[in-house]
Amino acid sequence: MSKKTTTFILLILIIASFFRFANLTSIPPGLYPDEAMNGNNALFALENNDFRVYYPENNGREGLFINIQALFLKFFLSFSNYPQAWMLRIVSAIFGTLTVLGVFLLIKTVFNSQIALFSSFFLAISFWHVNFSRIGFRAILVPFLLSWSLYWLIKAFQNKKMGSAIFSGIFFGLGFYTYIAFRVAPIIILFILIYNFIHFRRQKELKTFLKIILIWFLFFIITILPIALYFLHNPQDFMGRATQVSIFEKPNPLWEFIKSFVKTLLMFNFVGDCNFRHNFSCKPELDFIAGAFFLIGFYLIIKKVIKKQFDFASLFLIVWFLVMAMPVSFTYEGVPHALRSIGLIPCVFAFVGIGASKIYQLTKQNFSSKTGRYLILAFLFISLAINYNLYFLKWANNQKTYYAFNANYYALGNYLNQLPKEQLKYILVNANGVLVNNIPMPAQTVMFVTNTYSPQNQQKRNIFYLLPSDLDKLNNSQSFILIPLEKDEKTKNLLLQKFSNLIFEENKNFWIFKSI
């Protein structure tokens, strides 16, 4: 790799790091209960030395990401009194930044350095990837492990080095500990194997091919074995929530598939995910510059295939795109869905890189090299400014983002941490959600911030969680503070009628009821 390319990729990694780590303690605001559930599982694993390959709560989650978060929590809590959201999210930021490097190496290996640099730059500043690189969701490991495992496998076939096959097998095996969308990735591996089988047979080197495959498969099996055994003994957890949102739950699955697939195709340039946790106000997943380059790159690859120019790089991208579009296309809920399609991210930005490289070459041919450089630099700067403004200014300061991450629950948790431990405190969980230990999921945010997920810690900190049906259990003779999760007038009136000794105080984020 030339010094110039090395300098560029280092600069891109600095930009990627800035976009993923800047103001991580305050952006995103709050802590979504799904993130908090990960954190509570991590804290519980630390306290009880009970690390798992799969955590069944909250519709079930593979354990790798949670276990890594636990290690970071152990470190940060050595000099902090209470857990904070950024302690969970810093893991995502690290893997998000490393994904940019992985995508560069993969695209450089499959195409060339120029396309790889463009791909990694646009990925580094992409709202889509930056957003998930700053949220404590395990799905961020999918593009990381996918890009690195495919890079090592392709390198193994190119250089005929067994070390690359070992790394690829391990990284690919770890992918099954991340997010359900990864489970379609073996189809991409199958394509790579078939293509290289044909190539090695023509070269009369089938023994080398088999050696690479056997080593890759051995380390893949060793890595995947623990979670495979878990699913063998707990088959109900294998599909988890996927069965709840599957198109096969609908009367006409084929029609639902077509709708979902078309919406997924349109999400890059026209209408994106409308969930404020995933995106900003239904905007396309790509800004208009990256979106234009994507369309150009996509057209160029499809054109080659139509002309029957079946080179590995073009077929590889098409297979990747179609395969990783499956997890979202086979569901009907919330489509287009930026999270379920997260495995598409490296592939999509490969198309963006191809388009950007083509435009750069055309400007150099029709004008001058200097003009081409200035024009492409202008495109890069404008795209960077658009994504910075969209994420750090518009999205971060939007009221919908505030509530999308339950920042009011997070504020409640921090308020409780300021109260004396001997003060009796009750949280009334008047919000709906999946039950975890018979308490609805929204309470997980408060439990994480106060470290009161376990009954033992609840006793230590005098923080207890009640359902509306549990109000009769309150002891009126005791002095206590009662705080409902949600500001609900019906709940307020009920409490004031039921307990004549309560004083009501209003806070920006929550209501406080104090007994006298």
Protein backbone atom coordinates (compact mmCIF):
# COMPACT_ATOMS: atom_id res chain seq x y z
CA MET A 1 0.00 0.00 0.00
CA SER A 2 1.45 3.38 -1.01
CA LYS A 3 2.26 6.13 1.50
CA LYS A 4 -0.43 8.30 -0.10
CA THR A 5 -3.11 5.63 0.39
CA THR A 6 -1.94 5.00 3.96
CA THR A 7 -2.16 8.73 4.71
CA PHE A 8 -5.68 8.93 3.26
CA ILE A 9 -7.01 5.93 5.19
CA LEU A 10 -5.50 7.25 8.43
CA LEU A 11 -7.24 10.57 7.83
CA ILE A 12 -10.52 8.76 7.11
CA LEU A 13 -10.17 6.77 10.34
CA ILE A 14 -9.64 10.02 12.27
CA ILE A 15 -12.84 11.41 10.73
CA ALA A 16 -14.66 8.13 11.48
CA SER A 17 -13.48 8.26 15.10
CA PHE A 18 -14.65 11.86 15.48
CA PHE A 19 -18.11 11.05 14.13
CA ARG A 20 -18.42 8.06 16.48
CA PHE A 21 -16.86 9.36 19.70
CA ALA A 22 -17.61 13.10 19.74
CA ASN A 23 -20.07 14.03 22.54
CA LEU A 24 -20.79 10.35 23.17
CA THR A 25 -21.67 11.15 26.80
CA SER A 26 -24.66 13.24 25.68
CA ILE A 27 -25.58 12.09 22.15
CA PRO A 28 -27.83 10.17 21.78
CA PRO A 29 -29.77 11.52 24.77
CA GLY A 30 -31.15 9.08 27.32
CA LEU A 31 -30.96 5.32 27.06
CA TYR A 32 -33.46 3.17 25.19
CA PRO A 33 -34.76 0.20 27.27
CA ASP A 34 -33.34 -2.33 24.77
CA GLU A 35 -29.87 -0.84 25.35
CA ALA A 36 -30.50 -0.80 29.10
CA MET A 37 -31.52 -4.48 29.02
CA ASN A 38 -28.12 -5.28 27.52
CA GLY A 39 -26.48 -3.26 30.26
CA ASN A 40 -28.46 -4.96 33.02
CA ASN A 41 -27.58 -8.38 31.67
CA ALA A 42 -23.94 -7.29 31.57
CA LEU A 43 -24.02 -6.00 35.16
CA PHE A 44 -25.75 -9.18 36.34
CA ALA A 45 -23.16 -11.31 34.53
CA LEU A 46 -20.36 -9.40 36.26
CA GLU A 47 -21.91 -9.65 39.72
CA ASN A 48 -22.67 -13.35 39.42
CA ASN A 49 -19.88 -14.45 37.06
CA ASP A 50 -22.64 -15.71 34.78
CA PHE A 51 -21.63 -14.90 31.20
CA ARG A 52 -23.88 -16.50 28.58
CA VAL A 53 -23.82 -17.20 24.87
CA TYR A 54 -27.49 -16.21 24.71
CA TYR A 55 -29.62 -13.99 26.96
CA PRO A 56 -33.31 -14.98 26.65
CA GLU A 57 -34.88 -11.79 28.08
CA ASN A 58 -36.48 -9.18 25.79
CA ASN A 59 -37.22 -11.62 22.93
CA GLY A 60 -33.70 -13.07 23.22
CA ARG A 61 -30.27 -11.70 22.26
CA GLU A 62 -27.00 -13.35 21.30
CA GLY A 63 -24.43 -12.79 24.04
CA LEU A 64 -21.15 -11.67 22.44
CA PHE A 65 -21.87 -7.93 22.45
CA ILE A 66 -23.34 -7.99 25.97
CA ASN A 67 -20.32 -9.85 27.32
CA ILE A 68 -17.95 -7.31 25.73
CA GLN A 69 -20.04 -4.51 27.24
CA ALA A 70 -19.66 -6.21 30.63
CA LEU A 71 -15.86 -5.99 30.39
CA PHE A 72 -16.04 -2.27 29.62
CA LEU A 73 -18.52 -1.71 32.46
CA LYS A 74 -16.17 -3.47 34.87
CA PHE A 75 -13.38 -1.10 33.87
CA PHE A 76 -15.38 2.14 33.95
CA LEU A 77 -17.24 1.32 37.18
CA SER A 78 -13.89 0.99 38.92
CA PHE A 79 -13.83 4.80 39.04
CA SER A 80 -17.55 5.69 38.73
CA ASN A 81 -20.34 5.26 41.26
CA TYR A 82 -23.13 4.44 38.80
CA PRO A 83 -23.43 3.04 35.26
CA GLN A 84 -23.92 5.55 32.44
CA ALA A 85 -25.18 5.14 28.88
CA TRP A 86 -21.84 6.00 27.27
CA MET A 87 -20.22 3.04 29.01
CA LEU A 88 -22.38 0.76 26.86
CA ARG A 89 -22.18 2.82 23.69
CA ILE A 90 -18.41 3.17 23.58
CA VAL A 91 -18.26 -0.50 22.54
CA SER A 92 -20.39 0.31 19.48
CA ALA A 93 -18.20 3.32 18.67
CA ILE A 94 -15.05 1.18 18.71
CA PHE A 95 -16.49 -1.53 16.47
CA GLY A 96 -18.07 1.08 14.21
CA THR A 97 -14.69 2.73 13.65
CA LEU A 98 -12.98 -0.62 13.02
CA THR A 99 -15.67 -1.44 10.46
CA VAL A 100 -14.51 1.52 8.37
CA LEU A 101 -11.02 -0.02 8.24
CA GLY A 102 -12.46 -3.47 7.48
CA VAL A 103 -14.53 -2.12 4.59
CA PHE A 104 -11.48 -0.32 3.18
CA LEU A 105 -9.39 -3.51 3.24
CA LEU A 106 -12.19 -5.62 1.76
CA ILE A 107 -13.04 -3.24 -1.09
CA LYS A 108 -9.34 -2.67 -1.81
CA THR A 109 -8.86 -6.43 -2.10
CA VAL A 110 -11.91 -6.94 -4.32
CA PHE A 111 -11.61 -3.74 -6.42
CA ASN A 112 -8.80 -1.18 -5.90
CA SER A 113 -7.49 1.42 -3.46
CA GLN A 114 -9.34 4.34 -5.03
CA ILE A 115 -12.76 2.72 -4.77
CA ALA A 116 -11.88 1.52 -1.27
CA LEU A 117 -10.93 5.03 -0.11
CA PHE A 118 -14.15 6.53 -1.44
CA SER A 119 -16.22 3.71 0.08
CA SER A 120 -14.60 4.04 3.50
CA PHE A 121 -14.87 7.85 3.53
CA PHE A 122 -18.59 7.89 2.81
CA LEU A 123 -19.08 5.11 5.36
CA ALA A 124 -17.08 7.10 7.94
CA ILE A 125 -19.49 10.05 7.75
CA SER A 126 -22.72 8.18 6.97
CA PHE A 127 -25.61 9.04 9.31
CA TRP A 128 -26.84 5.46 8.90
CA HIS A 129 -23.67 3.84 10.19
CA VAL A 130 -22.67 6.63 12.58
CA ASN A 131 -26.04 6.37 14.32
CA PHE A 132 -25.76 2.65 15.03
CA SER A 133 -22.10 3.14 15.99
CA ARG A 134 -23.32 5.29 18.88
CA ILE A 135 -26.17 3.08 20.18
CA GLY A 136 -25.72 0.04 22.42
CA PHE A 137 -27.29 -2.46 19.98
CA ARG A 138 -25.51 -5.73 19.20
CA ALA A 139 -26.35 -5.34 15.49
CA ILE A 140 -23.34 -3.03 15.00
CA LEU A 141 -21.17 -6.16 15.08
CA VAL A 142 -22.79 -7.47 11.86
CA PRO A 143 -21.05 -5.13 9.35
CA PHE A 144 -17.84 -5.37 11.40
CA LEU A 145 -17.59 -9.17 11.47
CA LEU A 146 -19.01 -9.56 7.98
CA SER A 147 -16.52 -7.20 6.32
CA TRP A 148 -13.51 -8.58 8.22
CA SER A 149 -14.43 -12.27 7.78
CA LEU A 150 -15.02 -11.82 4.03
CA TYR A 151 -11.78 -9.86 3.70
CA TRP A 152 -9.74 -12.62 5.37
CA LEU A 153 -11.43 -15.36 3.32
CA ILE A 154 -10.81 -13.62 0.00
CA LYS A 155 -7.21 -12.94 1.07
CA ALA A 156 -6.81 -16.63 1.92
CA PHE A 157 -7.76 -17.61 -1.62
CA GLN A 158 -5.67 -14.85 -3.20
CA ASN A 159 -2.48 -15.43 -1.19
CA LYS A 160 -3.05 -19.10 -0.32
CA LYS A 161 -2.21 -18.35 3.32
CA MET A 162 -3.73 -20.53 6.01
CA GLY A 163 -3.51 -17.77 8.63
CA SER A 164 -6.05 -15.71 6.71
CA ALA A 165 -8.39 -18.72 6.58
CA ILE A 166 -8.12 -19.13 10.38
CA PHE A 167 -9.00 -15.48 11.04
CA SER A 168 -11.90 -15.63 8.58
CA GLY A 169 -13.32 -18.79 10.15
CA ILE A 170 -13.16 -17.31 13.64
CA PHE A 171 -14.62 -13.93 12.65
CA PHE A 172 -17.41 -15.54 10.64
CA GLY A 173 -18.24 -17.91 13.49
CA LEU A 174 -18.44 -14.96 15.90
CA GLY A 175 -21.03 -13.39 13.61
CA PHE A 176 -23.60 -15.92 14.83
CA TYR A 177 -23.26 -14.45 18.33
CA THR A 178 -24.39 -11.01 17.12
CA TYR A 179 -27.77 -10.43 15.45
CA ILE A 180 -30.26 -12.63 13.65
CA ALA A 181 -29.64 -10.85 10.30
CA PHE A 182 -26.18 -12.46 10.18
CA ARG A 183 -27.67 -15.92 9.75
CA VAL A 184 -28.19 -15.47 6.00
CA ALA A 185 -24.48 -14.62 5.49
CA PRO A 186 -23.45 -18.26 4.76
CA ILE A 187 -25.00 -17.79 1.30
CA ILE A 188 -22.30 -15.19 0.57
CA ILE A 189 -19.65 -17.65 1.79
CA LEU A 190 -21.15 -20.33 -0.45
CA PHE A 191 -20.83 -18.04 -3.47
CA ILE A 192 -17.15 -17.33 -2.66
CA LEU A 193 -16.46 -21.05 -2.29
CA ILE A 194 -18.16 -22.00 -5.56
CA TYR A 195 -16.37 -19.24 -7.49
CA ASN A 196 -12.97 -20.19 -6.08
CA PHE A 197 -13.61 -23.90 -6.56
CA ILE A 198 -14.08 -23.25 -10.29
CA HIS A 199 -10.98 -21.03 -10.36
CA PHE A 200 -8.72 -23.47 -8.46
CA ARG A 201 -9.94 -26.42 -10.53
CA ARG A 202 -8.97 -24.57 -13.71
CA GLN A 203 -5.55 -23.90 -12.15
CA LYS A 204 -5.33 -27.56 -11.12
CA GLU A 205 -4.86 -26.55 -7.48
CA LEU A 206 -7.82 -28.27 -5.87
CA LYS A 207 -5.64 -29.58 -3.03
CA THR A 208 -4.81 -26.00 -2.01
CA PHE A 209 -8.48 -25.06 -2.25
CA LEU A 210 -9.51 -27.99 -0.03
CA LYS A 211 -6.77 -27.19 2.49
CA ILE A 212 -8.00 -23.60 2.82
CA ILE A 213 -11.63 -24.73 3.17
CA LEU A 214 -10.85 -27.41 5.75
CA ILE A 215 -8.89 -25.00 7.93
CA TRP A 216 -11.57 -22.28 7.59
CA PHE A 217 -14.34 -24.77 8.39
CA LEU A 218 -12.48 -26.21 11.40
CA PHE A 219 -12.07 -22.83 13.09
CA PHE A 220 -15.59 -21.80 12.10
CA ILE A 221 -17.03 -24.93 13.76
CA ILE A 222 -14.93 -24.48 16.90
CA THR A 223 -16.11 -20.87 17.20
CA ILE A 224 -19.80 -21.48 16.52
CA LEU A 225 -20.10 -24.67 18.60
CA PRO A 226 -21.20 -23.11 21.95
CA ILE A 227 -24.13 -21.18 20.51
CA ALA A 228 -25.03 -24.04 18.16
CA LEU A 229 -25.30 -26.36 21.19
CA TYR A 230 -27.40 -23.74 22.99
CA PHE A 231 -29.89 -23.55 20.09
CA LEU A 232 -29.92 -27.35 19.83
CA HIS A 233 -31.15 -27.53 23.44
CA ASN A 234 -33.31 -24.37 23.16
CA PRO A 235 -34.79 -24.44 19.64
CA GLN A 236 -37.53 -21.97 20.61
CA ASP A 237 -34.88 -19.24 20.91
CA PHE A 238 -33.39 -19.77 17.45
CA MET A 239 -35.77 -17.48 15.55
CA GLY A 240 -36.94 -15.36 18.49
CA ARG A 241 -38.72 -12.17 17.48
CA ALA A 242 -38.22 -12.87 13.74
CA THR A 243 -41.25 -15.16 13.72
CA GLN A 244 -43.42 -12.37 15.17
CA VAL A 245 -42.75 -10.00 12.25
CA SER A 246 -42.31 -12.57 9.46
CA ILE A 247 -44.15 -12.09 6.18
CA PHE A 248 -45.37 -15.68 6.60
CA GLU A 249 -47.63 -14.45 9.40
CA LYS A 250 -49.58 -12.50 6.75
CA PRO A 251 -52.30 -13.88 4.43
CA ASN A 252 -50.27 -13.12 1.27
CA PRO A 253 -46.54 -13.61 2.03
CA LEU A 254 -45.42 -13.09 -1.58
CA TRP A 255 -47.08 -9.69 -1.80
CA GLU A 256 -45.60 -8.69 1.57
CA PHE A 257 -42.15 -9.77 0.37
CA ILE A 258 -42.44 -7.68 -2.80
CA LYS A 259 -43.54 -4.62 -0.81
CA SER A 260 -40.73 -4.99 1.71
CA PHE A 261 -38.08 -5.56 -0.96
CA VAL A 262 -39.18 -2.52 -3.00
CA LYS A 263 -39.25 -0.33 0.11
CA THR A 264 -35.76 -1.55 0.95
CA LEU A 265 -34.53 -0.63 -2.54
CA LEU A 266 -36.04 2.85 -2.16
CA MET A 267 -34.63 3.49 1.33
CA PHE A 268 -31.22 4.61 0.06
CA ASN A 269 -32.42 7.47 -2.15
CA PHE A 270 -36.08 8.20 -1.49
CA VAL A 271 -37.79 7.20 1.78
CA GLY A 272 -35.78 5.82 4.67
CA ASP A 273 -36.60 4.41 8.10
CA CYS A 274 -39.12 6.62 9.94
CA ASN A 275 -38.10 5.46 13.43
CA PHE A 276 -36.20 8.32 15.11
CA ARG A 277 -33.94 5.84 16.87
CA HIS A 278 -32.74 4.66 13.47
CA ASN A 279 -32.99 7.73 11.25
CA PHE A 280 -34.08 11.35 10.95
CA SER A 281 -37.68 11.88 9.87
CA CYS A 282 -37.90 9.24 7.08
CA LYS A 283 -34.92 10.74 5.22
CA PRO A 284 -33.10 8.48 2.73
CA GLU A 285 -30.30 6.46 4.32
CA LEU A 286 -27.80 8.20 2.00
CA ASP A 287 -27.35 11.95 1.54
CA PHE A 288 -27.98 13.21 -1.99
CA ILE A 289 -24.28 13.04 -3.00
CA ALA A 290 -23.67 9.53 -1.66
CA GLY A 291 -27.09 8.55 -3.01
CA ALA A 292 -26.18 9.72 -6.52
CA PHE A 293 -22.87 7.86 -6.39
CA PHE A 294 -24.72 4.75 -5.17
CA LEU A 295 -27.07 4.81 -8.17
CA ILE A 296 -24.13 5.26 -10.56
CA GLY A 297 -22.18 2.42 -8.94
CA PHE A 298 -25.23 0.16 -8.88
CA TYR A 299 -25.90 0.88 -12.57
CA LEU A 300 -22.29 0.14 -13.54
CA ILE A 301 -22.30 -3.23 -11.77
CA ILE A 302 -25.71 -4.27 -13.14
CA LYS A 303 -24.60 -3.19 -16.63
CA LYS A 304 -21.56 -5.48 -16.43
CA VAL A 305 -23.69 -8.44 -15.41
CA ILE A 306 -26.25 -7.77 -18.17
CA LYS A 307 -23.35 -7.79 -20.64
CA LYS A 308 -22.33 -11.15 -19.13
CA GLN A 309 -19.06 -9.78 -17.79
CA PHE A 310 -19.12 -12.15 -14.83
CA ASP A 311 -16.07 -11.01 -12.89
CA PHE A 312 -15.80 -11.93 -9.20
CA ALA A 313 -16.11 -8.36 -7.86
CA SER A 314 -19.41 -7.60 -9.61
CA LEU A 315 -21.02 -10.93 -8.75
CA PHE A 316 -19.77 -10.66 -5.17
CA LEU A 317 -21.49 -7.29 -4.64
CA ILE A 318 -24.75 -8.41 -6.22
CA VAL A 319 -24.88 -11.61 -4.16
CA TRP A 320 -24.07 -9.65 -0.98
CA PHE A 321 -26.77 -7.08 -1.74
CA LEU A 322 -29.49 -9.64 -2.45
CA VAL A 323 -28.57 -11.85 0.53
CA MET A 324 -28.37 -9.11 3.15
CA ALA A 325 -31.61 -7.56 1.87
CA MET A 326 -33.37 -10.79 2.90
CA PRO A 327 -33.61 -10.16 6.69
CA VAL A 328 -35.68 -7.02 6.12
CA SER A 329 -37.50 -8.22 2.99
CA PHE A 330 -38.88 -11.24 4.83
CA THR A 331 -40.45 -9.02 7.50
CA TYR A 332 -43.38 -6.64 7.29
CA GLU A 333 -43.05 -4.45 10.39
CA GLY A 334 -41.44 -1.00 10.18
CA VAL A 335 -40.13 -1.42 6.62
CA PRO A 336 -37.89 0.18 5.44
CA HIS A 337 -35.91 -0.85 8.50
CA ALA A 338 -32.39 0.56 8.86
CA LEU A 339 -31.47 -1.82 11.69
CA ARG A 340 -32.53 -5.10 10.08
CA SER A 341 -30.74 -4.10 6.87
CA ILE A 342 -27.52 -3.24 8.71
CA GLY A 343 -25.67 -6.08 6.92
CA LEU A 344 -26.14 -4.13 3.68
CA ILE A 345 -24.03 -1.20 4.87
CA PRO A 346 -20.56 -2.32 3.62
CA CYS A 347 -22.04 -3.46 0.31
CA VAL A 348 -24.02 -0.23 -0.22
CA PHE A 349 -20.93 1.89 0.38
CA ALA A 350 -18.96 -0.26 -2.03
CA PHE A 351 -21.49 0.83 -4.70
CA VAL A 352 -21.05 4.44 -3.50
CA GLY A 353 -17.28 4.11 -3.86
CA ILE A 354 -17.61 2.70 -7.38
CA GLY A 355 -19.83 5.62 -8.39
CA ALA A 356 -17.54 8.23 -6.82
CA SER A 357 -14.49 6.70 -8.49
CA LYS A 358 -16.23 6.74 -11.88
CA ILE A 359 -17.16 10.42 -11.57
CA TYR A 360 -13.61 11.24 -10.49
CA GLN A 361 -12.18 9.45 -13.54
CA LEU A 362 -14.63 11.20 -15.88
CA THR A 363 -13.77 14.66 -14.54
CA LYS A 364 -10.05 13.96 -14.97
CA GLN A 365 -10.63 12.79 -18.56
CA ASN A 366 -12.86 15.69 -19.59
CA PHE A 367 -11.17 18.48 -17.66
CA SER A 368 -7.86 18.25 -15.81
CA SER A 369 -6.53 16.23 -12.92
CA LYS A 370 -6.55 19.37 -10.80
CA THR A 371 -10.19 20.11 -11.61
CA GLY A 372 -11.12 16.52 -10.89
CA ARG A 373 -9.46 16.67 -7.48
CA TYR A 374 -11.14 19.96 -6.57
CA LEU A 375 -14.54 18.72 -7.71
CA ILE A 376 -14.36 15.46 -5.79
CA LEU A 377 -13.04 17.29 -2.69
CA ALA A 378 -16.05 19.61 -2.90
CA PHE A 379 -18.38 16.60 -3.05
CA LEU A 380 -16.65 15.01 -0.05
CA PHE A 381 -16.77 18.21 2.01
CA ILE A 382 -20.43 18.88 1.23
CA SER A 383 -21.36 15.29 2.12
CA LEU A 384 -19.41 15.56 5.39
CA ALA A 385 -21.13 18.85 6.27
CA ILE A 386 -24.59 17.42 5.46
CA ASN A 387 -24.10 14.36 7.66
CA TYR A 388 -22.55 16.34 10.52
CA ASN A 389 -25.41 18.83 10.49
CA LEU A 390 -28.03 16.10 10.23
CA TYR A 391 -26.69 13.99 13.09
CA PHE A 392 -25.06 16.37 15.58
CA LEU A 393 -27.36 19.37 15.12
CA LYS A 394 -30.76 18.43 13.70
CA TRP A 395 -31.23 14.87 14.95
CA ALA A 396 -29.41 15.18 18.28
CA ASN A 397 -31.43 18.26 19.31
CA ASN A 398 -34.82 17.07 18.06
CA GLN A 399 -37.51 16.48 20.68
CA LYS A 400 -38.53 13.23 18.95
CA THR A 401 -34.99 11.90 19.38
CA TYR A 402 -35.17 12.82 23.08
CA TYR A 403 -38.23 10.65 23.61
CA ALA A 404 -37.15 7.94 21.16
CA PHE A 405 -34.34 7.17 23.62
CA ASN A 406 -36.54 7.59 26.71
CA ALA A 407 -34.39 10.43 28.01
CA ASN A 408 -37.07 11.14 30.62
CA TYR A 409 -36.49 7.66 32.12
CA TYR A 410 -32.74 8.28 32.08
CA ALA A 411 -33.21 11.60 33.90
CA LEU A 412 -35.35 9.80 36.47
CA GLY A 413 -32.58 7.27 37.09
CA ASN A 414 -30.00 10.02 37.63
CA TYR A 415 -32.41 11.81 40.01
CA LEU A 416 -32.79 8.66 42.10
CA ASN A 417 -29.01 8.34 42.34
CA GLN A 418 -28.90 11.77 44.02
CA LEU A 419 -31.36 10.78 46.76
CA PRO A 420 -30.17 9.31 50.07
CA LYS A 421 -29.91 5.50 49.99
CA GLU A 422 -32.00 5.22 53.17
CA GLN A 423 -34.91 7.03 51.46
CA LEU A 424 -37.61 4.52 50.42
CA LYS A 425 -38.28 4.96 46.71
CA TYR A 426 -40.94 3.34 44.50
CA ILE A 427 -41.07 3.43 40.70
CA LEU A 428 -44.58 2.90 39.36
CA VAL A 429 -44.15 1.15 36.00
CA ASN A 430 -47.24 2.50 34.25
CA ALA A 431 -45.87 1.73 30.76
CA ASN A 432 -46.40 -1.29 28.53
CA GLY A 433 -43.70 -3.61 27.26
CA VAL A 434 -42.34 -7.15 27.21
CA LEU A 435 -42.17 -8.49 30.75
CA VAL A 436 -38.76 -9.11 32.29
CA ASN A 437 -38.97 -10.62 35.78
CA ASN A 438 -42.67 -9.61 35.69
CA ILE A 439 -41.81 -5.93 35.16
CA PRO A 440 -42.43 -4.21 31.77
CA MET A 441 -39.31 -3.46 29.71
CA PRO A 442 -39.40 0.37 30.02
CA ALA A 443 -38.21 0.06 33.64
CA GLN A 444 -34.87 -1.33 32.40
CA THR A 445 -33.55 2.18 31.76
CA VAL A 446 -34.05 3.24 35.39
CA MET A 447 -32.74 -0.11 36.62
CA PHE A 448 -29.51 0.29 34.66
CA VAL A 449 -28.76 3.87 35.71
CA THR A 450 -29.43 3.04 39.38
CA ASN A 451 -27.92 -0.48 39.14
CA THR A 452 -31.09 -2.02 40.61
CA TYR A 453 -31.79 -4.84 38.17
CA SER A 454 -31.28 -7.53 40.81
CA PRO A 455 -33.53 -7.81 43.89
CA GLN A 456 -30.40 -7.61 46.08
CA ASN A 457 -29.40 -4.24 44.65
CA GLN A 458 -32.96 -2.99 44.94
CA GLN A 459 -32.82 -3.78 48.65
CA LYS A 460 -29.42 -2.08 49.02
CA ARG A 461 -30.57 1.13 47.37
CA ASN A 462 -34.17 1.10 48.62
CA ILE A 463 -35.52 1.33 45.07
CA PHE A 464 -38.47 -0.89 44.21
CA TYR A 465 -40.62 -1.35 41.12
CA LEU A 466 -44.41 -1.55 41.28
CA LEU A 467 -47.14 -2.27 38.78
CA PRO A 468 -50.38 -0.26 39.05
CA SER A 469 -51.98 -3.43 40.44
CA ASP A 470 -49.41 -3.44 43.29
CA LEU A 471 -50.41 -0.09 44.80
CA ASP A 472 -52.38 -1.77 47.59
CA LYS A 473 -49.10 -3.20 48.87
CA LEU A 474 -47.76 0.22 49.83
CA ASN A 475 -47.37 0.85 53.54
CA ASN A 476 -48.90 4.24 54.31
CA SER A 477 -47.13 4.45 57.64
CA GLN A 478 -43.74 4.72 55.94
CA SER A 479 -42.20 7.80 54.39
CA PHE A 480 -41.60 7.16 50.71
CA ILE A 481 -41.19 8.74 47.29
CA LEU A 482 -43.35 7.38 44.48
CA ILE A 483 -42.55 8.24 40.84
CA PRO A 484 -44.57 6.97 37.86
CA LEU A 485 -42.53 6.24 34.74
CA GLU A 486 -45.04 8.08 32.57
CA LYS A 487 -46.72 11.42 33.19
CA ASP A 488 -50.26 10.14 32.98
CA GLU A 489 -53.20 12.21 34.31
CA LYS A 490 -55.21 9.08 35.05
CA THR A 491 -52.36 7.71 37.19
CA LYS A 492 -51.93 11.08 38.92
CA ASN A 493 -55.59 11.31 39.89
CA LEU A 494 -55.60 7.68 41.04
CA LEU A 495 -52.63 8.22 43.32
CA LEU A 496 -53.98 11.44 44.85
CA GLN A 497 -57.35 9.80 45.50
CA LYS A 498 -55.89 6.58 46.86
CA PHE A 499 -53.32 8.19 49.18
CA SER A 500 -54.43 11.31 51.02
CA ASN A 501 -50.96 11.83 52.47
CA LEU A 502 -49.16 12.44 49.15
CA ILE A 503 -47.62 15.75 48.08
CA PHE A 504 -47.38 16.21 44.33
CA GLU A 505 -44.32 17.83 42.70
CA GLU A 506 -43.89 18.38 38.96
CA ASN A 507 -40.56 17.95 37.23
CA LYS A 508 -39.68 18.55 33.57
CA ASN A 509 -39.24 14.82 32.95
CA PHE A 510 -41.35 13.11 35.62
CA TRP A 511 -43.82 13.56 38.49
CA ILE A 512 -42.86 13.05 42.11
CA PHE A 513 -45.25 11.98 44.87
CA LYS A 514 -43.94 12.28 48.44
CA SER A 515 -45.67 10.86 51.47
CA ILE A 516 -45.95 13.03 54.59
